[in-house]
């Protein structure tokens, strides 16, 4: 993880047993350091490194952030 990455965010305990919505898409990250023989899931978004967006920013931009 990049040094300037936001602090890790951990879920509320109640979120662990809560049904989650179906994922809109899947990401295949760190492909630059992955052997070529490892398959990429069909329709997966491929990223060579970690996503620039932190977990907090992702949740906020997708309307999934809970204060």
C-alpha atoms as a PDB file:
ATOM      1  CA  UNK A   1       0.000   0.000   0.000  1.00  0.00           C
ATOM      2  CA  UNK A   2       1.401   3.427  -0.805  1.00  0.00           C
ATOM      3  CA  UNK A   3       2.826   5.358   2.138  1.00  0.00           C
ATOM      4  CA  UNK A   4       0.449   8.274   1.502  1.00  0.00           C
ATOM      5  CA  UNK A   5      -2.615   5.999   1.529  1.00  0.00           C
ATOM      6  CA  UNK A   6      -5.460   6.894   3.920  1.00  0.00           C
ATOM      7  CA  UNK A   7      -5.640   5.000   7.203  1.00  0.00           C
ATOM      8  CA  UNK A   8      -7.371   1.653   7.079  1.00  0.00           C
ATOM      9  CA  UNK A   9     -11.079   1.670   7.863  1.00  0.00           C
ATOM     10  CA  UNK A  10     -12.652  -1.274   9.631  1.00  0.00           C
ATOM     11  CA  UNK A  11     -16.371  -2.171   9.462  1.00  0.00           C
ATOM     12  CA  UNK A  12     -18.813  -1.972  12.332  1.00  0.00           C
ATOM     13  CA  UNK A  13     -19.365  -5.419  13.839  1.00  0.00           C
ATOM     14  CA  UNK A  14     -23.039  -5.232  12.804  1.00  0.00           C
ATOM     15  CA  UNK A  15     -22.007  -4.889   9.149  1.00  0.00           C
ATOM     16  CA  UNK A  16     -20.413  -8.327   9.093  1.00  0.00           C
ATOM     17  CA  UNK A  17     -23.768 -10.162   9.254  1.00  0.00           C
ATOM     18  CA  UNK A  18     -25.655  -7.674   7.069  1.00  0.00           C
ATOM     19  CA  UNK A  19     -26.521  -8.840   3.544  1.00  0.00           C
ATOM     20  CA  UNK A  20     -24.461  -6.919   1.010  1.00  0.00           C
ATOM     21  CA  UNK A  21     -25.631  -5.733  -2.410  1.00  0.00           C
ATOM     22  CA  UNK A  22     -24.333  -7.531  -5.481  1.00  0.00           C
ATOM     23  CA  UNK A  23     -21.064  -6.025  -6.699  1.00  0.00           C
ATOM     24  CA  UNK A  24     -21.432  -3.762  -9.753  1.00  0.00           C
ATOM     25  CA  UNK A  25     -18.022  -4.819 -11.057  1.00  0.00           C
ATOM     26  CA  UNK A  26     -14.926  -6.698 -10.014  1.00  0.00           C
ATOM     27  CA  UNK A  27     -11.380  -5.391  -9.925  1.00  0.00           C
ATOM     28  CA  UNK A  28      -8.256  -7.364 -10.650  1.00  0.00           C
ATOM     29  CA  UNK A  29      -5.497  -5.320  -9.004  1.00  0.00           C
ATOM     30  CA  UNK A  30      -1.710  -5.503  -8.862  1.00  0.00           C
ATOM     31  CA  UNK A  31      -1.532  -7.164 -12.280  1.00  0.00           C
ATOM     32  CA  UNK A  32       1.954  -5.710 -12.819  1.00  0.00           C
ATOM     33  CA  UNK A  33       3.274  -8.087 -10.164  1.00  0.00           C
ATOM     34  CA  UNK A  34       1.092 -11.070 -11.051  1.00  0.00           C
ATOM     35  CA  UNK A  35       2.250 -13.971 -13.248  1.00  0.00           C
ATOM     36  CA  UNK A  36       0.674 -13.908 -16.713  1.00  0.00           C
ATOM     37  CA  UNK A  37      -0.670 -17.446 -16.301  1.00  0.00           C
ATOM     38  CA  UNK A  38      -3.057 -16.287 -13.549  1.00  0.00           C
ATOM     39  CA  UNK A  39      -6.399 -15.706 -15.311  1.00  0.00           C
ATOM     40  CA  UNK A  40      -8.318 -12.446 -15.046  1.00  0.00           C
ATOM     41  CA  UNK A  41     -12.014 -13.016 -14.308  1.00  0.00           C
ATOM     42  CA  UNK A  42     -14.240 -12.220 -17.283  1.00  0.00           C
ATOM     43  CA  UNK A  43     -15.497  -8.592 -17.316  1.00  0.00           C
ATOM     44  CA  UNK A  44     -13.081  -7.662 -14.522  1.00  0.00           C
ATOM     45  CA  UNK A  45     -11.548  -4.177 -14.499  1.00  0.00           C
ATOM     46  CA  UNK A  46      -7.774  -4.645 -14.611  1.00  0.00           C
ATOM     47  CA  UNK A  47      -5.514  -2.287 -12.662  1.00  0.00           C
ATOM     48  CA  UNK A  48      -1.715  -2.573 -12.833  1.00  0.00           C
ATOM     49  CA  UNK A  49      -1.277  -1.284  -9.266  1.00  0.00           C
ATOM     50  CA  UNK A  50      -3.473  -0.326  -6.307  1.00  0.00           C
ATOM     51  CA  UNK A  51      -6.379   1.960  -7.114  1.00  0.00           C
ATOM     52  CA  UNK A  52      -5.618   5.636  -6.423  1.00  0.00           C
ATOM     53  CA  UNK A  53      -8.925   5.985  -4.581  1.00  0.00           C
ATOM     54  CA  UNK A  54      -8.874   4.915  -0.911  1.00  0.00           C
ATOM     55  CA  UNK A  55     -11.612   2.814   0.644  1.00  0.00           C
ATOM     56  CA  UNK A  56     -13.256   5.826   2.320  1.00  0.00           C
ATOM     57  CA  UNK A  57     -13.321   7.821  -0.922  1.00  0.00           C
ATOM     58  CA  UNK A  58     -14.697   4.834  -2.828  1.00  0.00           C
ATOM     59  CA  UNK A  59     -17.582   4.369  -0.384  1.00  0.00           C
ATOM     60  CA  UNK A  60     -18.400   8.084  -0.452  1.00  0.00           C
ATOM     61  CA  UNK A  61     -18.322   8.294  -4.268  1.00  0.00           C
ATOM     62  CA  UNK A  62     -20.619   5.242  -4.550  1.00  0.00           C
ATOM     63  CA  UNK A  63     -23.137   6.444  -1.955  1.00  0.00           C
ATOM     64  CA  UNK A  64     -22.212   3.659   0.451  1.00  0.00           C
ATOM     65  CA  UNK A  65     -20.652   5.783   3.202  1.00  0.00           C
ATOM     66  CA  UNK A  66     -22.315   5.624   6.631  1.00  0.00           C
ATOM     67  CA  UNK A  67     -21.375   8.123   9.344  1.00  0.00           C
END
